[in-house]
């Protein structure tokens, strides 16, 4: 937010504030409903998982019981061993009981018995093909709830197989793993329920909380309730924070754009006049010895109110307002000012990488500007490398003549951000260049399973055939550096070596071998 516009354009400020409030409200609301939608989707998936899990379990249990139904025709003495064996190898089963003439006559746990089913489990209706009941416990585990399941045998009068099943087949394990997503679960059979809020059975009517999701099992009289909070505090706070951040960003951007549009060119010229621009230097090292062979010179803009303005933003504005030439000449002046100190920090023949925009390259005074810049540097110490971004369009015929002239004058040329534009191979075919700077996007992909590695291999092979030096930008890890060195890249540049530094910091920088390079 530029100072003079801040004080004189209250309408812009008011509009920006209103824009920020609107965006904050809109995006905060959208974020909240998106979070709520994701929670609902999670609950749908979870209740489906629980239903499928339990239907699968009871389906397998019925298959096991079907194999036991013929045993109801035999004496307990003849089948008790097999019954006990089946119970031992059935997951979560406490006991199988064989029933005939309404009496349980054989148990896998106790053997022969003669107990009427009405006395044993009054809640079960053996006249039904399938029935279930919740039990507060069983004789072997009197304090541990269980599920009683009845499967009638249509071939035996008032007979069938009864079994008791541990309730740990219900979603306690799943509940423990996902307890941050909901508040509880209840399993309901008949008039009773067991929930995660109580260790004992409760009346199903006492479950007053409305469930977030409910599922009833197919062919089984069992219902699962899933309980959850309607909205969580974290979701509300995140939606508010997200809305505020977006609102502040939108309001600031709106103010910045409207203010710059009033007179962006004048703002850049004022910044040049008031020395708001400065340069930073990023070391470039040779890949073999990791010794500094030069630097890339980068321009930065520190606005007194806005702070650091991104280079892409002000460079694009400068190009759009036809101010890239005065901005580049100001960059030359800043380099010339630092040159005596740079001479003490860089070895003879060190490379000075400078970005040149096509708007300056094709300007009428380009040759004179380059001669003046070269003459102002300490003689025979620096090798200037002009970096031309591959994304930018240049005029082929004029560029060929300019490149030949630059080579005769002792300048070197690099194609920057190679591979990010539309004309990479055309550039290499039509123009004679000295360096190929590999874009950081290729370097970041090293070690990942993408198509980038074979493309990067092809780029390096092409550079070798054209006798071009390669410089890898954006090197951030020892693994990337090792891969690039093994594949013949000559120079490395990136945070693994050093971040771009102002001159005062650069004077104290020690070009030691980075950790992990050995």
Protein backbone atom coordinates (compact mmCIF):
# COMPACT_ATOMS: atom_id res chain seq x y z
CA UNK A 1 0.00 0.00 0.00
CA UNK A 2 1.91 2.98 -1.27
CA UNK A 3 2.18 5.98 1.07
CA UNK A 4 0.86 8.84 -0.98
CA UNK A 5 -2.09 6.84 -2.29
CA UNK A 6 -2.93 5.64 1.21
CA UNK A 7 -3.49 9.21 2.35
CA UNK A 8 -5.12 10.64 -0.77
CA UNK A 9 -7.38 7.82 -2.01
CA UNK A 10 -9.82 7.06 0.75
CA UNK A 11 -12.23 5.53 -1.72
CA UNK A 12 -9.67 2.91 -2.67
CA UNK A 13 -9.01 2.14 0.99
CA UNK A 14 -12.72 1.88 1.78
CA UNK A 15 -13.36 -0.32 -1.24
CA UNK A 16 -10.41 -2.55 -0.29
CA UNK A 17 -11.71 -2.96 3.27
CA UNK A 18 -15.19 -3.84 2.00
CA UNK A 19 -13.67 -6.27 -0.49
CA UNK A 20 -11.66 -7.90 2.28
CA UNK A 21 -14.73 -8.24 4.51
CA UNK A 22 -16.78 -9.73 1.70
CA UNK A 23 -14.07 -12.23 0.76
CA UNK A 24 -13.52 -13.13 4.42
CA UNK A 25 -17.24 -13.80 4.91
CA UNK A 26 -17.63 -15.67 1.63
CA UNK A 27 -14.54 -17.89 1.84
CA UNK A 28 -14.91 -18.43 5.58
CA UNK A 29 -18.48 -19.64 5.03
CA UNK A 30 -17.45 -21.83 2.10
CA UNK A 31 -14.61 -23.30 4.14
CA UNK A 32 -16.96 -24.05 7.03
CA UNK A 33 -19.49 -25.81 4.81
CA UNK A 34 -16.70 -27.66 3.00
CA UNK A 35 -15.34 -28.92 6.33
CA UNK A 36 -18.86 -29.90 7.35
CA UNK A 37 -19.32 -31.73 4.04
CA UNK A 38 -16.08 -33.65 4.56
CA UNK A 39 -17.16 -34.65 8.08
CA UNK A 40 -20.50 -35.86 6.74
CA UNK A 41 -18.69 -37.87 4.07
CA UNK A 42 -16.45 -39.39 6.75
CA UNK A 43 -19.48 -40.42 8.79
CA UNK A 44 -21.13 -41.96 5.71
CA UNK A 45 -17.98 -43.94 4.99
CA UNK A 46 -17.57 -45.01 8.60
CA UNK A 47 -21.14 -46.20 9.11
CA UNK A 48 -20.88 -48.10 5.83
CA UNK A 49 -17.62 -49.71 6.97
CA UNK A 50 -19.22 -50.73 10.28
CA UNK A 51 -22.30 -52.17 8.59
CA UNK A 52 -20.25 -54.12 6.05
CA UNK A 53 -17.91 -55.37 8.77
CA UNK A 54 -20.67 -56.65 11.01
CA UNK A 55 -22.75 -58.11 8.17
CA UNK A 56 -19.64 -59.96 7.02
CA UNK A 57 -19.00 -61.29 10.50
CA UNK A 58 -22.55 -62.49 11.07
CA UNK A 59 -22.62 -63.95 7.57
CA UNK A 60 -19.56 -66.05 8.37
CA UNK A 61 -21.08 -67.00 11.73
CA UNK A 62 -24.29 -68.20 10.06
CA UNK A 63 -22.22 -70.33 7.69
CA UNK A 64 -20.56 -71.98 10.69
CA UNK A 65 -23.90 -72.50 12.42
CA UNK A 66 -25.41 -74.06 9.30
CA UNK A 67 -22.76 -76.77 9.53
CA UNK A 68 -23.82 -77.41 13.15
CA UNK A 69 -27.56 -77.68 12.49
CA UNK A 70 -27.41 -81.44 11.63
CA UNK A 71 -25.91 -82.07 15.10
CA UNK A 72 -29.25 -81.17 16.70
CA UNK A 73 -30.46 -84.63 15.58
CA UNK A 74 -27.76 -86.44 17.62
CA UNK A 75 -27.04 -87.09 21.28
CA UNK A 76 -24.78 -84.66 23.11
CA UNK A 77 -22.30 -87.40 23.95
CA UNK A 78 -21.74 -88.06 20.26
CA UNK A 79 -21.29 -84.46 19.12
CA UNK A 80 -19.91 -82.59 22.14
CA UNK A 81 -16.30 -82.93 21.00
CA UNK A 82 -17.01 -81.50 17.57
CA UNK A 83 -19.17 -78.76 19.10
CA UNK A 84 -16.38 -77.74 21.46
CA UNK A 85 -13.85 -77.74 18.63
CA UNK A 86 -16.05 -75.54 16.46
CA UNK A 87 -16.50 -73.04 19.29
CA UNK A 88 -12.77 -72.90 19.95
CA UNK A 89 -12.01 -71.98 16.35
CA UNK A 90 -14.88 -69.52 15.82
CA UNK A 91 -13.94 -65.87 16.27
CA UNK A 92 -15.49 -64.19 19.35
CA UNK A 93 -17.87 -67.12 20.04
CA UNK A 94 -18.28 -67.93 23.74
CA UNK A 95 -20.38 -71.06 23.33
CA UNK A 96 -22.62 -73.02 20.95
CA UNK A 97 -25.79 -74.63 22.32
CA UNK A 98 -27.85 -77.26 20.53
CA UNK A 99 -31.62 -76.96 21.04
CA UNK A 100 -34.34 -79.55 20.50
CA UNK A 101 -37.97 -79.51 21.67
CA UNK A 102 -37.38 -76.02 23.15
CA UNK A 103 -34.63 -77.37 25.43
CA UNK A 104 -30.91 -76.70 25.25
CA UNK A 105 -29.47 -80.18 25.52
CA UNK A 106 -25.79 -79.74 24.63
CA UNK A 107 -23.25 -76.92 25.19
CA UNK A 108 -19.77 -76.54 23.76
CA UNK A 109 -18.70 -75.10 27.13
CA UNK A 110 -20.37 -77.44 29.69
CA UNK A 111 -21.41 -80.51 27.69
CA UNK A 112 -24.75 -82.22 28.24
CA UNK A 113 -27.54 -80.11 29.79
CA UNK A 114 -31.31 -79.90 29.84
CA UNK A 115 -32.54 -76.33 30.27
CA UNK A 116 -35.64 -74.82 28.67
CA UNK A 117 -34.79 -71.94 26.38
CA UNK A 118 -37.50 -69.83 28.02
CA UNK A 119 -35.54 -70.02 31.28
CA UNK A 120 -32.11 -69.68 29.69
CA UNK A 121 -32.77 -66.66 27.44
CA UNK A 122 -36.33 -65.39 27.89
CA UNK A 123 -35.77 -62.59 25.35
CA UNK A 124 -35.19 -65.02 22.46
CA UNK A 125 -38.14 -66.25 20.39
CA UNK A 126 -37.19 -69.66 19.05
CA UNK A 127 -40.21 -69.64 16.77
CA UNK A 128 -38.44 -67.06 14.62
CA UNK A 129 -35.88 -68.14 11.99
CA UNK A 130 -33.39 -65.65 13.43
CA UNK A 131 -33.49 -63.74 16.68
CA UNK A 132 -31.03 -61.80 18.82
CA UNK A 133 -30.78 -60.40 22.30
CA UNK A 134 -28.30 -58.44 24.36
CA UNK A 135 -27.07 -60.21 27.50
CA UNK A 136 -25.47 -58.47 30.50
CA UNK A 137 -23.20 -61.48 30.79
CA UNK A 138 -22.90 -65.25 30.47
CA UNK A 139 -22.14 -67.91 33.12
CA UNK A 140 -18.47 -67.98 32.14
CA UNK A 141 -18.18 -64.16 31.93
CA UNK A 142 -21.03 -62.80 34.08
CA UNK A 143 -19.91 -59.14 33.97
CA UNK A 144 -19.09 -58.91 30.27
CA UNK A 145 -21.99 -58.15 27.91
CA UNK A 146 -22.58 -60.46 24.98
CA UNK A 147 -24.91 -60.96 22.03
CA UNK A 148 -27.21 -63.99 22.01
CA UNK A 149 -28.09 -65.27 18.53
CA UNK A 150 -30.67 -67.91 17.61
CA UNK A 151 -30.87 -69.76 14.28
CA UNK A 152 -33.81 -72.15 13.95
CA UNK A 153 -33.47 -75.56 12.27
CA UNK A 154 -36.59 -76.04 10.12
CA UNK A 155 -36.09 -79.80 10.09
CA UNK A 156 -36.13 -80.18 13.87
CA UNK A 157 -39.16 -79.46 15.99
CA UNK A 158 -38.53 -76.35 18.08
CA UNK A 159 -34.84 -76.87 17.49
CA UNK A 160 -31.82 -75.05 16.22
CA UNK A 161 -28.50 -73.61 17.33
CA UNK A 162 -28.02 -70.86 19.88
CA UNK A 163 -24.71 -69.06 20.35
CA UNK A 164 -23.34 -66.24 22.50
CA UNK A 165 -20.87 -63.82 20.96
CA UNK A 166 -18.45 -61.36 22.53
CA UNK A 167 -19.36 -57.74 21.95
CA UNK A 168 -15.77 -56.89 20.94
CA UNK A 169 -16.82 -57.72 17.40
CA UNK A 170 -18.67 -54.40 17.54
CA UNK A 171 -16.68 -51.38 16.46
CA UNK A 172 -14.60 -50.74 19.56
CA UNK A 173 -11.32 -51.18 17.70
CA UNK A 174 -12.52 -48.90 14.91
CA UNK A 175 -13.89 -46.47 17.49
CA UNK A 176 -10.54 -46.29 19.25
CA UNK A 177 -8.71 -45.60 15.99
CA UNK A 178 -11.11 -42.85 14.91
CA UNK A 179 -12.39 -41.42 18.20
CA UNK A 180 -11.45 -37.88 17.17
CA UNK A 181 -14.12 -38.00 14.45
CA UNK A 182 -17.18 -38.83 16.57
CA UNK A 183 -18.36 -39.04 20.17
CA UNK A 184 -19.69 -42.58 20.50
CA UNK A 185 -21.43 -45.71 19.18
CA UNK A 186 -24.45 -47.67 20.37
CA UNK A 187 -25.48 -51.21 19.40
CA UNK A 188 -29.25 -51.73 19.74
CA UNK A 189 -31.02 -55.10 19.81
CA UNK A 190 -34.67 -55.17 20.78
CA UNK A 191 -35.39 -52.99 23.81
CA UNK A 192 -31.78 -52.83 25.02
CA UNK A 193 -28.61 -51.13 23.90
CA UNK A 194 -24.93 -51.08 24.73
CA UNK A 195 -23.13 -47.81 24.10
CA UNK A 196 -19.60 -46.53 24.52
CA UNK A 197 -20.86 -44.19 27.22
CA UNK A 198 -21.74 -47.06 29.60
CA UNK A 199 -20.27 -50.43 30.56
CA UNK A 200 -23.70 -51.94 31.24
CA UNK A 201 -26.80 -52.51 29.14
CA UNK A 202 -29.27 -49.61 29.02
CA UNK A 203 -32.81 -49.26 27.81
CA UNK A 204 -32.81 -48.21 24.17
CA UNK A 205 -35.37 -45.50 24.98
CA UNK A 206 -32.82 -43.87 27.28
CA UNK A 207 -30.56 -43.04 24.32
CA UNK A 208 -31.79 -39.45 24.08
CA UNK A 209 -28.99 -38.09 21.88
CA UNK A 210 -29.91 -38.04 18.20
CA UNK A 211 -27.44 -40.17 16.20
CA UNK A 212 -25.46 -38.66 13.35
CA UNK A 213 -25.83 -41.90 11.38
CA UNK A 214 -27.88 -45.11 11.81
CA UNK A 215 -27.51 -48.45 10.06
CA UNK A 216 -29.59 -51.63 10.36
CA UNK A 217 -27.99 -54.90 9.36
CA UNK A 218 -29.45 -56.96 6.54
CA UNK A 219 -31.34 -60.05 7.79
CA UNK A 220 -30.15 -59.33 11.35
CA UNK A 221 -32.25 -57.45 13.97
CA UNK A 222 -29.33 -55.25 15.03
CA UNK A 223 -29.00 -51.46 14.68
CA UNK A 224 -25.87 -49.35 14.95
CA UNK A 225 -26.03 -45.69 16.00
CA UNK A 226 -23.11 -43.35 15.36
CA UNK A 227 -22.96 -40.18 17.48
CA UNK A 228 -21.04 -37.03 16.66
CA UNK A 229 -21.01 -33.32 17.41
CA UNK A 230 -22.81 -31.20 14.82
CA UNK A 231 -19.95 -28.72 14.55
CA UNK A 232 -16.51 -28.89 16.12
CA UNK A 233 -14.65 -25.95 17.63
CA UNK A 234 -11.62 -26.64 15.44
CA UNK A 235 -13.71 -26.41 12.27
CA UNK A 236 -15.28 -23.12 13.34
CA UNK A 237 -11.94 -21.58 14.35
CA UNK A 238 -10.24 -22.76 11.15
CA UNK A 239 -13.06 -21.34 9.01
CA UNK A 240 -12.78 -17.98 10.81
CA UNK A 241 -8.98 -17.94 10.48
CA UNK A 242 -9.13 -18.98 6.83
CA UNK A 243 -11.69 -16.28 6.08
CA UNK A 244 -9.61 -13.62 7.86
CA UNK A 245 -6.41 -14.56 6.04
CA UNK A 246 -8.15 -14.60 2.66
CA UNK A 247 -9.94 -11.35 3.45
CA UNK A 248 -6.75 -9.58 4.44
CA UNK A 249 -4.97 -10.92 1.36
CA UNK A 250 -7.83 -9.93 -0.95
CA UNK A 251 -8.17 -6.46 0.56
CA UNK A 252 -4.42 -5.84 0.38
CA UNK A 253 -4.20 -7.11 -3.18
CA UNK A 254 -7.17 -4.99 -4.21
CA UNK A 255 -5.58 -1.90 -2.66
CA UNK A 256 -2.22 -2.69 -4.24
CA UNK A 257 -3.65 -3.23 -7.73
CA UNK A 258 -5.91 -0.18 -7.67
CA UNK A 259 -3.09 2.00 -6.36
CA UNK A 260 -0.52 0.72 -8.84
CA UNK A 261 -2.96 1.19 -11.71
CA UNK A 262 -3.12 4.89 -10.96
CA UNK A 263 0.49 5.34 -11.94
CA UNK A 264 2.65 2.22 -11.71
CA UNK A 265 5.40 3.69 -13.84
CA UNK A 266 5.85 6.67 -11.58
CA UNK A 267 6.02 4.40 -8.54
CA UNK A 268 8.91 2.41 -10.07
CA UNK A 269 10.77 5.58 -11.09
CA UNK A 270 10.28 6.97 -7.58
CA UNK A 271 11.65 3.76 -6.10
CA UNK A 272 14.76 4.06 -8.32
CA UNK A 273 15.23 7.68 -7.28
CA UNK A 274 14.84 6.87 -3.56
CA UNK A 275 17.17 3.85 -3.66
CA UNK A 276 14.49 1.37 -2.67
CA UNK A 277 15.99 -1.25 -4.99
CA UNK A 278 19.00 -3.29 -3.92
CA UNK A 279 20.87 -6.33 -5.19
CA UNK A 280 21.57 -9.73 -3.70
CA UNK A 281 24.13 -12.27 -4.81
CA UNK A 282 23.63 -16.03 -5.01
CA UNK A 283 26.86 -18.05 -5.33
CA UNK A 284 27.34 -20.48 -8.20
CA UNK A 285 29.83 -23.29 -7.55
CA UNK A 286 31.46 -25.84 -9.79
CA UNK A 287 29.98 -29.28 -9.31
CA UNK A 288 33.26 -31.15 -8.89
CA UNK A 289 35.11 -29.11 -6.25
CA UNK A 290 32.13 -27.10 -4.92
CA UNK A 291 34.21 -23.92 -5.16
CA UNK A 292 32.59 -20.61 -5.98
CA UNK A 293 33.00 -19.66 -9.63
CA UNK A 294 30.64 -16.71 -9.74
CA UNK A 295 27.32 -15.29 -8.64
CA UNK A 296 23.91 -14.54 -10.05
CA UNK A 297 22.93 -10.92 -9.42
CA UNK A 298 19.28 -10.49 -8.45
CA UNK A 299 17.34 -7.27 -7.90
CA UNK A 300 15.06 -6.77 -4.92
CA UNK A 301 12.59 -4.00 -4.00
CA UNK A 302 12.01 -3.08 -0.37
CA UNK A 303 9.07 -0.69 -0.30
CA UNK A 304 8.87 1.56 2.80
CA UNK A 305 5.25 0.50 3.45
CA UNK A 306 4.66 -2.71 1.47
CA UNK A 307 7.94 -4.27 2.50
CA UNK A 308 9.53 -6.78 0.16
CA UNK A 309 7.75 -6.83 -3.21
CA UNK A 310 8.16 -10.06 -5.22
CA UNK A 311 10.55 -9.66 -8.18
CA UNK A 312 8.07 -11.19 -10.63
CA UNK A 313 5.54 -8.51 -9.69
CA UNK A 314 7.67 -5.40 -10.21
CA UNK A 315 9.55 -6.80 -13.22
CA UNK A 316 6.27 -7.58 -14.98
CA UNK A 317 5.02 -4.10 -14.16
CA UNK A 318 8.23 -2.56 -15.43
CA UNK A 319 7.98 -4.46 -18.70
CA UNK A 320 4.31 -3.54 -19.12
CA UNK A 321 5.07 0.15 -18.52
CA UNK A 322 8.14 0.16 -20.81
CA UNK A 323 10.41 0.82 -17.85
CA UNK A 324 12.53 -2.32 -17.98
CA UNK A 325 15.46 -0.40 -19.53
CA UNK A 326 15.79 2.22 -16.73
CA UNK A 327 15.28 -0.58 -14.17
CA UNK A 328 18.08 -2.66 -15.74
CA UNK A 329 20.37 0.37 -15.97
CA UNK A 330 19.73 0.96 -12.28
CA UNK A 331 20.72 -2.66 -11.67
CA UNK A 332 23.96 -1.99 -13.57
CA UNK A 333 24.64 1.06 -11.37
CA UNK A 334 24.12 -1.01 -8.21
CA UNK A 335 26.52 -3.69 -9.47
CA UNK A 336 29.13 -1.09 -10.43
CA UNK A 337 28.82 0.42 -6.96
CA UNK A 338 29.50 -2.99 -5.37
CA UNK A 339 32.17 -4.00 -7.87
CA UNK A 340 35.25 -2.90 -5.85
CA UNK A 341 34.12 -5.04 -2.91
CA UNK A 342 33.04 -7.91 -5.16
CA UNK A 343 36.52 -7.89 -6.69
CA UNK A 344 37.95 -8.80 -3.28
CA UNK A 345 35.41 -11.60 -2.76
CA UNK A 346 35.36 -13.28 -6.18
CA UNK A 347 38.32 -14.88 -7.98
CA UNK A 348 39.57 -13.49 -11.32
CA UNK A 349 37.32 -14.58 -14.16
CA UNK A 350 34.32 -14.99 -11.85
CA UNK A 351 30.98 -15.03 -13.60
CA UNK A 352 28.43 -12.27 -13.02
CA UNK A 353 25.06 -13.64 -14.07
CA UNK A 354 22.65 -10.81 -14.95
CA UNK A 355 19.08 -11.22 -16.20
CA UNK A 356 18.28 -9.31 -19.39
CA UNK A 357 14.71 -8.80 -20.59
CA UNK A 358 13.92 -8.91 -24.34
CA UNK A 359 12.61 -5.36 -24.01
CA UNK A 360 16.12 -4.19 -23.19
CA UNK A 361 17.88 -6.61 -25.52
CA UNK A 362 16.09 -5.13 -28.53
CA UNK A 363 16.23 -1.49 -27.41
CA UNK A 364 18.19 1.06 -29.46
CA UNK A 365 20.70 1.79 -26.71
CA UNK A 366 21.41 -1.80 -25.68
CA UNK A 367 24.92 -1.97 -27.17
CA UNK A 368 25.98 1.32 -25.66
CA UNK A 369 24.53 0.30 -22.30
CA UNK A 370 26.53 -2.93 -22.31
CA UNK A 371 29.76 -1.20 -23.33
CA UNK A 372 29.32 1.41 -20.62
CA UNK A 373 28.62 -1.25 -18.01
CA UNK A 374 31.60 -3.36 -19.03
CA UNK A 375 33.90 -0.31 -19.00
CA UNK A 376 32.80 0.63 -15.48
CA UNK A 377 33.73 -2.76 -14.00
CA UNK A 378 37.27 -3.50 -12.74
CA UNK A 379 39.24 -4.48 -15.87
CA UNK A 380 39.90 -8.14 -16.63
CA UNK A 381 38.32 -9.46 -13.46
CA UNK A 382 34.67 -10.37 -14.10
CA UNK A 383 33.07 -12.36 -16.89
CA UNK A 384 29.55 -11.05 -17.50
CA UNK A 385 26.96 -13.69 -18.38
CA UNK A 386 23.65 -12.37 -19.70
CA UNK A 387 20.78 -14.64 -18.74
CA UNK A 388 17.79 -14.64 -21.09
CA UNK A 389 14.67 -16.39 -19.82
CA UNK A 390 13.45 -19.08 -22.20
CA UNK A 391 9.82 -18.13 -21.50
CA UNK A 392 10.32 -14.70 -23.12
CA UNK A 393 9.99 -14.16 -26.85
CA UNK A 394 12.93 -12.65 -28.69
CA UNK A 395 13.22 -11.61 -32.30
CA UNK A 396 15.22 -14.26 -34.12
CA UNK A 397 17.05 -12.24 -36.79
CA UNK A 398 17.97 -9.37 -34.52
CA UNK A 399 18.87 -11.73 -31.68
CA UNK A 400 21.35 -13.64 -33.85
CA UNK A 401 23.21 -10.45 -34.69
CA UNK A 402 23.09 -9.25 -31.08
CA UNK A 403 24.41 -12.58 -29.78
CA UNK A 404 27.29 -12.48 -32.26
CA UNK A 405 28.07 -8.93 -31.22
CA UNK A 406 27.94 -9.86 -27.50
CA UNK A 407 30.36 -12.72 -28.05
CA UNK A 408 32.76 -10.41 -29.91
CA UNK A 409 32.56 -7.93 -27.02
CA UNK A 410 33.48 -10.67 -24.53
CA UNK A 411 30.05 -11.35 -23.00
CA UNK A 412 28.63 -14.83 -22.49
CA UNK A 413 25.01 -15.85 -22.88
CA UNK A 414 22.89 -18.26 -20.85
CA UNK A 415 19.39 -19.53 -21.48
CA UNK A 416 17.61 -19.29 -18.14
CA UNK A 417 14.77 -21.48 -16.74
CA UNK A 418 15.27 -23.94 -19.58
CA UNK A 419 12.29 -26.19 -20.21
CA UNK A 420 9.60 -23.91 -18.75
CA UNK A 421 8.59 -22.17 -21.98
CA UNK A 422 7.35 -23.04 -25.42
CA UNK A 423 10.50 -22.67 -27.50
CA UNK A 424 13.31 -24.45 -25.67
CA UNK A 425 14.63 -26.59 -28.54
CA UNK A 426 14.13 -23.75 -31.04
CA UNK A 427 16.39 -21.53 -28.93
CA UNK A 428 19.12 -24.15 -28.84
CA UNK A 429 18.84 -24.77 -32.57
CA UNK A 430 18.85 -21.14 -33.73
CA UNK A 431 21.07 -19.31 -31.26
CA UNK A 432 24.63 -19.83 -30.08
CA UNK A 433 24.65 -19.82 -26.29
CA UNK A 434 27.23 -20.69 -23.68
CA UNK A 435 25.22 -21.90 -20.69
CA UNK A 436 22.01 -23.82 -20.19
CA UNK A 437 20.40 -23.18 -16.80
CA UNK A 438 18.19 -26.09 -15.80
CA UNK A 439 14.93 -24.94 -14.23
CA UNK A 440 14.38 -25.77 -10.56
CA UNK A 441 11.26 -27.75 -11.48
CA UNK A 442 13.46 -30.46 -13.03
CA UNK A 443 15.83 -30.42 -10.06
CA UNK A 444 13.01 -30.70 -7.49
CA UNK A 445 11.72 -33.82 -9.24
CA UNK A 446 15.02 -35.69 -8.81
CA UNK A 447 14.38 -38.81 -6.73
CA UNK A 448 10.64 -38.87 -7.40
CA UNK A 449 8.90 -41.36 -9.66
CA UNK A 450 8.00 -38.96 -12.47
CA UNK A 451 8.78 -38.56 -16.13
CA UNK A 452 11.17 -35.72 -15.31
CA UNK A 453 14.27 -37.88 -14.91
CA UNK A 454 14.39 -39.14 -18.53
CA UNK A 455 13.57 -35.63 -19.75
CA UNK A 456 16.41 -34.22 -17.66
CA UNK A 457 18.74 -36.93 -18.98
CA UNK A 458 17.81 -35.89 -22.51
CA UNK A 459 18.45 -32.22 -21.72
CA UNK A 460 21.92 -32.99 -20.34
CA UNK A 461 22.77 -35.15 -23.35
CA UNK A 462 21.68 -32.37 -25.69
CA UNK A 463 23.76 -29.79 -23.82
CA UNK A 464 26.86 -31.98 -24.09
CA UNK A 465 26.39 -32.40 -27.84
CA UNK A 466 26.04 -28.62 -28.26
CA UNK A 467 29.15 -27.99 -26.11
CA UNK A 468 27.13 -25.96 -23.61
CA UNK A 469 27.88 -25.70 -19.91
CA UNK A 470 24.99 -26.67 -17.63
CA UNK A 471 23.97 -24.87 -14.44
CA UNK A 472 21.38 -26.49 -12.15
CA UNK A 473 19.15 -24.00 -10.33
CA UNK A 474 17.24 -24.67 -7.12
CA UNK A 475 19.55 -27.33 -5.69
CA UNK A 476 18.26 -27.85 -2.16
CA UNK A 477 19.44 -31.27 -0.97
CA UNK A 478 22.66 -33.32 -1.00
CA UNK A 479 20.80 -36.03 -2.93
CA UNK A 480 19.96 -33.63 -5.73
CA UNK A 481 23.54 -32.38 -5.83
CA UNK A 482 24.93 -35.93 -5.94
CA UNK A 483 22.62 -36.89 -8.81
CA UNK A 484 23.52 -33.79 -10.80
CA UNK A 485 27.25 -34.27 -10.26
CA UNK A 486 27.03 -37.91 -11.33
CA UNK A 487 25.25 -36.87 -14.52
CA UNK A 488 27.82 -34.33 -15.59
CA UNK A 489 26.25 -30.99 -14.59
CA UNK A 490 29.10 -28.47 -14.35
CA UNK A 491 27.69 -25.84 -11.96
CA UNK A 492 25.27 -25.83 -9.04
CA UNK A 493 23.16 -23.03 -7.61
CA UNK A 494 20.53 -23.10 -4.87
CA UNK A 495 19.76 -23.05 -1.16
CA UNK A 496 21.97 -26.09 -0.55
CA UNK A 497 24.88 -23.82 -1.48
CA UNK A 498 23.49 -20.52 -0.21
CA UNK A 499 20.47 -18.27 -0.38
CA UNK A 500 20.81 -14.93 -2.21
CA UNK A 501 22.63 -12.49 0.08
CA UNK A 502 23.10 -8.72 0.32
CA UNK A 503 26.67 -7.55 -0.08
CA UNK A 504 27.32 -7.14 3.67
CA UNK A 505 26.26 -10.72 4.33
CA UNK A 506 28.14 -11.96 1.27
CA UNK A 507 31.37 -10.43 2.61
CA UNK A 508 31.15 -12.71 5.65
CA UNK A 509 29.95 -15.80 3.80
CA UNK A 510 32.33 -18.73 3.87
CA UNK A 511 32.16 -20.92 0.74
CA UNK A 512 32.66 -24.14 2.69
CA UNK A 513 31.62 -27.53 1.37
CA UNK A 514 27.98 -27.99 2.44
CA UNK A 515 27.19 -30.81 4.87
CA UNK A 516 26.60 -34.17 3.25
CA UNK A 517 28.58 -33.41 0.11
CA UNK A 518 31.34 -35.83 0.81
